[in-house]
PDB file of N, CA and C in Angstrom:
ATOM      1  N   MET A   1      47.808  70.318 -27.663  1.00  0.00           N
ATOM      2  CA  MET A   1      47.163  70.550 -27.082  1.00  0.00           C
ATOM      3  C   MET A   1      45.451  70.715 -27.509  1.00  0.00           C
ATOM      4  N   PRO A   2      44.925  70.472 -26.917  1.00  0.00           N
ATOM      5  CA  PRO A   2      43.273  70.792 -27.137  1.00  0.00           C
ATOM      6  C   PRO A   2      43.222  71.709 -26.388  1.00  0.00           C
ATOM      7  N   GLN A   3      41.971  72.762 -26.896  1.00  0.00           N
ATOM      8  CA  GLN A   3      41.980  73.883 -26.001  1.00  0.00           C
ATOM      9  C   GLN A   3      40.259  74.264 -26.590  1.00  0.00           C
ATOM     10  N   TYR A   4      39.390  74.068 -25.519  1.00  0.00           N
ATOM     11  CA  TYR A   4      38.216  74.168 -25.262  1.00  0.00           C
ATOM     12  C   TYR A   4      37.524  75.791 -25.328  1.00  0.00           C
ATOM     13  N   THR A   5      36.742  76.109 -25.601  1.00  0.00           N
ATOM     14  CA  THR A   5      36.194  76.823 -25.687  1.00  0.00           C
ATOM     15  C   THR A   5      34.558  77.026 -25.449  1.00  0.00           C
ATOM     16  N   ILE A   6      34.496  77.886 -24.292  1.00  0.00           N
ATOM     17  CA  ILE A   6      33.074  76.923 -23.377  1.00  0.00           C
ATOM     18  C   ILE A   6      32.284  78.388 -23.186  1.00  0.00           C
ATOM     19  N   LEU A   7      30.972  78.338 -23.465  1.00  0.00           N
ATOM     20  CA  LEU A   7      30.108  79.632 -23.460  1.00  0.00           C
ATOM     21  C   LEU A   7      29.949  79.730 -22.708  1.00  0.00           C
ATOM     22  N   LEU A   8      29.118  80.784 -21.587  1.00  0.00           N
ATOM     23  CA  LEU A   8      28.487  80.972 -20.244  1.00  0.00           C
ATOM     24  C   LEU A   8      27.563  82.328 -20.608  1.00  0.00           C
ATOM     25  N   PHE A   9      26.488  82.402 -19.786  1.00  0.00           N
ATOM     26  CA  PHE A   9      25.719  82.704 -19.620  1.00  0.00           C
ATOM     27  C   PHE A   9      24.796  83.461 -18.686  1.00  0.00           C
ATOM     28  N   GLY A  10      24.176  84.315 -18.398  1.00  0.00           N
ATOM     29  CA  GLY A  10      23.614  85.116 -17.054  1.00  0.00           C
ATOM     30  C   GLY A  10      24.796  84.696 -16.156  1.00  0.00           C
ATOM     31  N   PRO A  11      24.357  84.557 -14.732  1.00  0.00           N
ATOM     32  CA  PRO A  11      24.885  84.600 -13.836  1.00  0.00           C
ATOM     33  C   PRO A  11      26.401  84.134 -13.631  1.00  0.00           C
ATOM     34  N   ALA A  12      27.060  83.577 -14.427  1.00  0.00           N
ATOM     35  CA  ALA A  12      27.867  82.629 -14.634  1.00  0.00           C
ATOM     36  C   ALA A  12      28.832  83.263 -15.779  1.00  0.00           C
ATOM     37  N   ALA A  13      28.289  84.018 -16.551  1.00  0.00           N
ATOM     38  CA  ALA A  13      29.165  85.273 -17.265  1.00  0.00           C
ATOM     39  C   ALA A  13      29.421  86.496 -16.696  1.00  0.00           C
ATOM     40  N   ALA A  14      28.356  86.887 -15.755  1.00  0.00           N
ATOM     41  CA  ALA A  14      28.272  87.926 -14.838  1.00  0.00           C
ATOM     42  C   ALA A  14      29.326  87.920 -13.898  1.00  0.00           C
ATOM     43  N   ALA A  15      29.716  86.334 -13.271  1.00  0.00           N
ATOM     44  CA  ALA A  15      30.698  86.432 -12.130  1.00  0.00           C
ATOM     45  C   ALA A  15      31.843  86.550 -13.002  1.00  0.00           C
ATOM     46  N   ILE A  16      32.205  86.541 -13.690  1.00  0.00           N
ATOM     47  CA  ILE A  16      33.417  86.860 -14.585  1.00  0.00           C
ATOM     48  C   ILE A  16      34.220  87.590 -15.379  1.00  0.00           C
ATOM     49  N   THR A  17      32.720  88.126 -15.425  1.00  0.00           N
ATOM     50  CA  THR A  17      32.518  89.334 -16.981  1.00  0.00           C
ATOM     51  C   THR A  17      32.864  88.712 -17.940  1.00  0.00           C
ATOM     52  N   MET A  18      32.493  87.897 -18.743  1.00  0.00           N
ATOM     53  CA  MET A  18      33.076  87.260 -19.867  1.00  0.00           C
ATOM     54  C   MET A  18      32.099  86.106 -20.211  1.00  0.00           C
ATOM     55  N   ASP A  19      31.654  86.293 -21.702  1.00  0.00           N
ATOM     56  CA  ASP A  19      30.482  85.647 -22.442  1.00  0.00           C
ATOM     57  C   ASP A  19      31.203  84.286 -22.190  1.00  0.00           C
ATOM     58  N   ARG A  20      32.552  83.833 -22.243  1.00  0.00           N
ATOM     59  CA  ARG A  20      33.151  82.685 -22.888  1.00  0.00           C
ATOM     60  C   ARG A  20      34.703  82.733 -22.163  1.00  0.00           C
ATOM     61  N   VAL A  21      34.980  81.620 -21.740  1.00  0.00           N
ATOM     62  CA  VAL A  21      36.283  81.066 -21.201  1.00  0.00           C
ATOM     63  C   VAL A  21      36.776  80.045 -22.087  1.00  0.00           C
ATOM     64  N   VAL A  22      38.382  80.142 -22.425  1.00  0.00           N
ATOM     65  CA  VAL A  22      39.062  78.804 -23.033  1.00  0.00           C
ATOM     66  C   VAL A  22      39.758  78.527 -21.929  1.00  0.00           C
ATOM     67  N   ILE A  23      39.784  76.959 -22.040  1.00  0.00           N
ATOM     68  CA  ILE A  23      40.207  76.087 -21.538  1.00  0.00           C
ATOM     69  C   ILE A  23      41.371  75.220 -22.177  1.00  0.00           C
ATOM     70  N   GLN A  24      42.979  74.809 -22.240  1.00  0.00           N
ATOM     71  CA  GLN A  24      43.604  74.449 -22.525  1.00  0.00           C
ATOM     72  C   GLN A  24      43.740  72.905 -21.143  1.00  0.00           C
ATOM     73  N   SER A  25      43.911  71.741 -22.061  1.00  0.00           N
ATOM     74  CA  SER A  25      44.135  70.905 -21.629  1.00  0.00           C
ATOM     75  C   SER A  25      45.469  69.342 -22.129  1.00  0.00           C
ATOM     76  N   ALA A  26      45.703  68.737 -21.687  1.00  0.00           N
ATOM     77  CA  ALA A  26      47.259  68.407 -22.056  1.00  0.00           C
ATOM     78  C   ALA A  26      46.131  67.017 -22.777  1.00  0.00           C
ATOM     79  N   GLU A  27      45.433  66.973 -23.298  1.00  0.00           N
ATOM     80  CA  GLU A  27      44.297  65.434 -23.604  1.00  0.00           C
ATOM     81  C   GLU A  27      42.845  66.128 -23.600  1.00  0.00           C
ATOM     82  N   LEU A  28      42.172  65.019 -24.554  1.00  0.00           N
ATOM     83  CA  LEU A  28      40.467  65.499 -24.731  1.00  0.00           C
ATOM     84  C   LEU A  28      39.860  65.392 -22.937  1.00  0.00           C
ATOM     85  N   CYS A  29      39.140  65.549 -23.198  1.00  0.00           N
ATOM     86  CA  CYS A  29      38.606  66.049 -21.576  1.00  0.00           C
ATOM     87  C   CYS A  29      36.908  65.342 -21.430  1.00  0.00           C
ATOM     88  N   SER A  30      36.422  64.637 -20.442  1.00  0.00           N
ATOM     89  CA  SER A  30      35.380  64.212 -20.342  1.00  0.00           C
ATOM     90  C   SER A  30      34.504  65.737 -20.060  1.00  0.00           C
ATOM     91  N   ALA A  31      33.284  65.705 -19.898  1.00  0.00           N
ATOM     92  CA  ALA A  31      32.673  66.497 -19.190  1.00  0.00           C
ATOM     93  C   ALA A  31      32.983  66.743 -17.589  1.00  0.00           C
ATOM     94  N   ASP A  32      33.135  65.991 -16.914  1.00  0.00           N
ATOM     95  CA  ASP A  32      33.685  66.023 -15.748  1.00  0.00           C
ATOM     96  C   ASP A  32      35.083  66.691 -15.431  1.00  0.00           C
ATOM     97  N   GLN A  33      35.835  66.066 -15.750  1.00  0.00           N
ATOM     98  CA  GLN A  33      37.240  66.830 -16.331  1.00  0.00           C
ATOM     99  C   GLN A  33      37.405  68.005 -16.991  1.00  0.00           C
ATOM    100  N   LEU A  34      36.141  68.739 -18.053  1.00  0.00           N
ATOM    101  CA  LEU A  34      36.079  69.800 -18.129  1.00  0.00           C
ATOM    102  C   LEU A  34      36.146  71.352 -17.057  1.00  0.00           C
ATOM    103  N   LYS A  35      34.922  70.122 -15.971  1.00  0.00           N
ATOM    104  CA  LYS A  35      34.399  71.189 -15.060  1.00  0.00           C
ATOM    105  C   LYS A  35      35.637  71.446 -14.451  1.00  0.00           C
ATOM    106  N   VAL A  36      36.095  70.180 -13.918  1.00  0.00           N
ATOM    107  CA  VAL A  36      37.524  70.617 -12.811  1.00  0.00           C
ATOM    108  C   VAL A  36      37.949  71.563 -13.427  1.00  0.00           C
ATOM    109  N   LEU A  37      39.066  71.485 -14.779  1.00  0.00           N
ATOM    110  CA  LEU A  37      39.643  72.255 -15.307  1.00  0.00           C
ATOM    111  C   LEU A  37      39.297  74.235 -15.139  1.00  0.00           C
ATOM    112  N   MET A  38      37.916  74.086 -15.264  1.00  0.00           N
ATOM    113  CA  MET A  38      37.090  75.194 -15.368  1.00  0.00           C
ATOM    114  C   MET A  38      37.509  75.924 -13.953  1.00  0.00           C
ATOM    115  N   ILE A  39      36.900  74.951 -12.971  1.00  0.00           N
ATOM    116  CA  ILE A  39      37.085  75.924 -11.435  1.00  0.00           C
ATOM    117  C   ILE A  39      38.510  75.626 -11.117  1.00  0.00           C
ATOM    118  N   GLN A  40      39.748  75.454 -11.788  1.00  0.00           N
ATOM    119  CA  GLN A  40      41.024  75.630 -11.510  1.00  0.00           C
ATOM    120  C   GLN A  40      41.285  77.164 -11.761  1.00  0.00           C
ATOM    121  N   GLN A  41      40.863  77.146 -13.388  1.00  0.00           N
ATOM    122  CA  GLN A  41      41.223  78.577 -14.010  1.00  0.00           C
ATOM    123  C   GLN A  41      40.397  79.549 -13.801  1.00  0.00           C
ATOM    124  N   PHE A  42      39.244  79.268 -12.854  1.00  0.00           N
ATOM    125  CA  PHE A  42      38.523  80.297 -12.697  1.00  0.00           C
ATOM    126  C   PHE A  42      37.865  80.323 -11.215  1.00  0.00           C
ATOM    127  N   PRO A  43      38.409  80.196 -10.320  1.00  0.00           N
ATOM    128  CA  PRO A  43      37.498  79.534  -9.143  1.00  0.00           C
ATOM    129  C   PRO A  43      35.870  80.515  -8.964  1.00  0.00           C
ATOM    130  N   ALA A  44      35.371  81.337  -9.289  1.00  0.00           N
ATOM    131  CA  ALA A  44      34.157  82.150  -9.360  1.00  0.00           C
ATOM    132  C   ALA A  44      33.065  81.506  -9.870  1.00  0.00           C
ATOM    133  N   LEU A  45      33.931  80.333 -10.708  1.00  0.00           N
ATOM    134  CA  LEU A  45      32.518  79.143 -11.394  1.00  0.00           C
ATOM    135  C   LEU A  45      32.440  78.184 -10.836  1.00  0.00           C
ATOM    136  N   ASP A  46      33.408  77.826  -9.340  1.00  0.00           N
ATOM    137  CA  ASP A  46      32.674  76.527  -8.589  1.00  0.00           C
ATOM    138  C   ASP A  46      31.020  76.745  -8.508  1.00  0.00           C
ATOM    139  N   VAL A  47      30.515  77.942  -7.705  1.00  0.00           N
ATOM    140  CA  VAL A  47      29.155  77.398  -7.718  1.00  0.00           C
ATOM    141  C   VAL A  47      28.450  77.243  -8.921  1.00  0.00           C
ATOM    142  N   TYR A  48      28.626  77.643  -9.787  1.00  0.00           N
ATOM    143  CA  TYR A  48      27.580  77.827 -11.035  1.00  0.00           C
ATOM    144  C   TYR A  48      28.080  76.130 -11.826  1.00  0.00           C
ATOM    145  N   LEU A  49      28.800  75.875 -11.615  1.00  0.00           N
ATOM    146  CA  LEU A  49      29.753  74.675 -12.446  1.00  0.00           C
ATOM    147  C   LEU A  49      29.214  73.129 -11.448  1.00  0.00           C
ATOM    148  N   ASP A  50      28.597  73.396 -10.109  1.00  0.00           N
ATOM    149  CA  ASP A  50      28.486  72.678  -9.113  1.00  0.00           C
ATOM    150  C   ASP A  50      26.644  72.651  -9.513  1.00  0.00           C
ATOM    151  N   ALA A  51      25.778  73.480  -9.978  1.00  0.00           N
ATOM    152  CA  ALA A  51      24.577  73.495 -10.162  1.00  0.00           C
ATOM    153  C   ALA A  51      24.043  73.692 -11.337  1.00  0.00           C
ATOM    154  N   GLY A  52      25.185  73.653 -11.823  1.00  0.00           N
ATOM    155  CA  GLY A  52      24.665  73.797 -13.663  1.00  0.00           C
ATOM    156  C   GLY A  52      25.335  72.671 -14.338  1.00  0.00           C
ATOM    157  N   ARG A  53      24.588  72.220 -15.566  1.00  0.00           N
ATOM    158  CA  ARG A  53      25.082  71.270 -16.670  1.00  0.00           C
ATOM    159  C   ARG A  53      26.033  71.871 -18.097  1.00  0.00           C
ATOM    160  N   LEU A  54      26.802  70.975 -18.331  1.00  0.00           N
ATOM    161  CA  LEU A  54      27.655  71.183 -19.470  1.00  0.00           C
ATOM    162  C   LEU A  54      26.339  71.141 -20.860  1.00  0.00           C
ATOM    163  N   ALA A  55      26.456  71.657 -21.929  1.00  0.00           N
ATOM    164  CA  ALA A  55      25.579  71.301 -22.892  1.00  0.00           C
ATOM    165  C   ALA A  55      26.749  71.383 -23.989  1.00  0.00           C
ATOM    166  N   VAL A  56      26.689  69.953 -24.868  1.00  0.00           N
ATOM    167  CA  VAL A  56      27.436  69.780 -26.201  1.00  0.00           C
ATOM    168  C   VAL A  56      26.644  69.991 -27.287  1.00  0.00           C
ATOM    169  N   ASN A  57      26.840  70.489 -27.802  1.00  0.00           N
ATOM    170  CA  ASN A  57      26.053  70.402 -29.776  1.00  0.00           C
ATOM    171  C   ASN A  57      24.676  70.897 -29.309  1.00  0.00           C
ATOM    172  N   GLN A  58      24.185  71.972 -28.031  1.00  0.00           N
ATOM    173  CA  GLN A  58      22.861  71.685 -27.929  1.00  0.00           C
ATOM    174  C   GLN A  58      22.043  70.397 -27.177  1.00  0.00           C
ATOM    175  N   SER A  59      23.051  69.799 -26.546  1.00  0.00           N
ATOM    176  CA  SER A  59      22.634  68.738 -25.481  1.00  0.00           C
ATOM    177  C   SER A  59      23.032  68.451 -24.577  1.00  0.00           C
ATOM    178  N   PHE A  60      22.612  68.053 -23.252  1.00  0.00           N
ATOM    179  CA  PHE A  60      23.062  68.061 -21.903  1.00  0.00           C
ATOM    180  C   PHE A  60      23.783  66.286 -22.279  1.00  0.00           C
ATOM    181  N   VAL A  61      25.188  66.551 -21.372  1.00  0.00           N
ATOM    182  CA  VAL A  61      26.109  65.729 -21.467  1.00  0.00           C
ATOM    183  C   VAL A  61      26.191  65.280 -20.117  1.00  0.00           C
ATOM    184  N   ILE A  62      26.576  63.730 -19.784  1.00  0.00           N
ATOM    185  CA  ILE A  62      27.059  63.465 -18.302  1.00  0.00           C
ATOM    186  C   ILE A  62      28.266  63.463 -18.530  1.00  0.00           C
ATOM    187  N   GLY A  63      28.973  63.142 -17.102  1.00  0.00           N
ATOM    188  CA  GLY A  63      29.998  63.443 -16.699  1.00  0.00           C
ATOM    189  C   GLY A  63      31.397  62.749 -17.516  1.00  0.00           C
ATOM    190  N   GLU A  64      30.970  61.673 -18.090  1.00  0.00           N
ATOM    191  CA  GLU A  64      32.354  60.781 -18.796  1.00  0.00           C
ATOM    192  C   GLU A  64      32.018  60.960 -20.428  1.00  0.00           C
ATOM    193  N   THR A  65      31.295  62.123 -20.646  1.00  0.00           N
ATOM    194  CA  THR A  65      31.192  62.138 -22.332  1.00  0.00           C
ATOM    195  C   THR A  65      32.510  62.420 -22.377  1.00  0.00           C
ATOM    196  N   ILE A  66      33.247  62.234 -23.324  1.00  0.00           N
ATOM    197  CA  ILE A  66      34.095  62.768 -24.051  1.00  0.00           C
ATOM    198  C   ILE A  66      34.290  64.007 -24.786  1.00  0.00           C
ATOM    199  N   ILE A  67      33.952  65.014 -24.773  1.00  0.00           N
ATOM    200  CA  ILE A  67      34.216  66.363 -25.627  1.00  0.00           C
ATOM    201  C   ILE A  67      35.144  66.543 -26.402  1.00  0.00           C
ATOM    202  N   SER A  68      34.824  66.495 -27.932  1.00  0.00           N
ATOM    203  CA  SER A  68      35.663  66.901 -29.236  1.00  0.00           C
ATOM    204  C   SER A  68      35.724  68.834 -28.898  1.00  0.00           C
ATOM    205  N   THR A  69      37.368  69.304 -29.415  1.00  0.00           N
ATOM    206  CA  THR A  69      37.624  70.555 -29.097  1.00  0.00           C
ATOM    207  C   THR A  69      36.775  71.347 -30.026  1.00  0.00           C
ATOM    208  N   SER A  70      36.038  70.504 -31.266  1.00  0.00           N
ATOM    209  CA  SER A  70      35.320  71.259 -32.542  1.00  0.00           C
ATOM    210  C   SER A  70      34.027  71.639 -31.386  1.00  0.00           C
ATOM    211  N   ASP A  71      33.360  70.618 -30.524  1.00  0.00           N
ATOM    212  CA  ASP A  71      32.311  70.748 -30.386  1.00  0.00           C
ATOM    213  C   ASP A  71      31.675  71.967 -30.010  1.00  0.00           C
ATOM    214  N   GLU A  72      30.578  72.396 -29.936  1.00  0.00           N
ATOM    215  CA  GLU A  72      29.811  73.756 -29.501  1.00  0.00           C
ATOM    216  C   GLU A  72      29.918  73.526 -27.442  1.00  0.00           C
ATOM    217  N   THR A  73      30.710  73.947 -27.118  1.00  0.00           N
ATOM    218  CA  THR A  73      30.429  73.755 -25.365  1.00  0.00           C
ATOM    219  C   THR A  73      29.805  74.583 -24.847  1.00  0.00           C
ATOM    220  N   ALA A  74      28.449  74.359 -23.252  1.00  0.00           N
ATOM    221  CA  ALA A  74      28.192  75.565 -23.113  1.00  0.00           C
ATOM    222  C   ALA A  74      28.088  75.401 -21.093  1.00  0.00           C
ATOM    223  N   LEU A  75      27.938  76.168 -20.739  1.00  0.00           N
ATOM    224  CA  LEU A  75      27.724  75.792 -19.302  1.00  0.00           C
ATOM    225  C   LEU A  75      26.153  76.756 -19.255  1.00  0.00           C
ATOM    226  N   ILE A  76      25.409  75.669 -18.618  1.00  0.00           N
ATOM    227  CA  ILE A  76      24.130  76.536 -18.624  1.00  0.00           C
ATOM    228  C   ILE A  76      23.584  76.008 -17.078  1.00  0.00           C
ATOM    229  N   THR A  77      23.070  77.163 -16.371  1.00  0.00           N
ATOM    230  CA  THR A  77      23.417  77.013 -15.120  1.00  0.00           C
ATOM    231  C   THR A  77      21.509  77.394 -14.948  1.00  0.00           C
ATOM    232  N   MET A  78      21.346  77.479 -13.893  1.00  0.00           N
ATOM    233  CA  MET A  78      19.927  77.194 -12.994  1.00  0.00           C
ATOM    234  C   MET A  78      19.522  78.859 -13.100  1.00  0.00           C
ATOM    235  N   VAL A  79      18.357  79.562 -13.776  1.00  0.00           N
ATOM    236  CA  VAL A  79      18.099  80.944 -14.328  1.00  0.00           C
ATOM    237  C   VAL A  79      16.392  80.582 -13.226  1.00  0.00           C
ATOM    238  N   SER A  80      16.337  82.150 -13.344  1.00  0.00           N
ATOM    239  CA  SER A  80      14.913  82.498 -12.591  1.00  0.00           C
ATOM    240  C   SER A  80      14.463  83.614 -12.847  1.00  0.00           C
ATOM    241  N   GLY A  81      12.973  83.516 -12.918  1.00  0.00           N
ATOM    242  CA  GLY A  81      12.257  84.942 -13.637  1.00  0.00           C
ATOM    243  C   GLY A  81      10.554  84.276 -13.509  1.00  0.00           C
ATOM    244  N   GLY A  82      10.306  85.251 -13.927  1.00  0.00           N
ATOM    245  CA  GLY A  82       8.753  85.350 -13.720  1.00  0.00           C
ATOM    246  C   GLY A  82       8.009  85.924 -14.719  1.00  0.00           C
TER     247      GLY A  82
END
């Protein structure tokens, strides 16, 4: 069973008080499928997944991109600062 570790930063990490989540799936997932599984398991991430993007191996990926369990995967959310 594939298992993904997704790194979290900033507000997304604060929302669930964790800097990473582990998601299990029956098969390898696309970026869009992984987002759905993340929301199912961590509903508080919904707002951050809607506005954020997944990065795989330090590059943003589009919805149908298949992600390997060995890839470094991170949720990159909107941040503000001054």
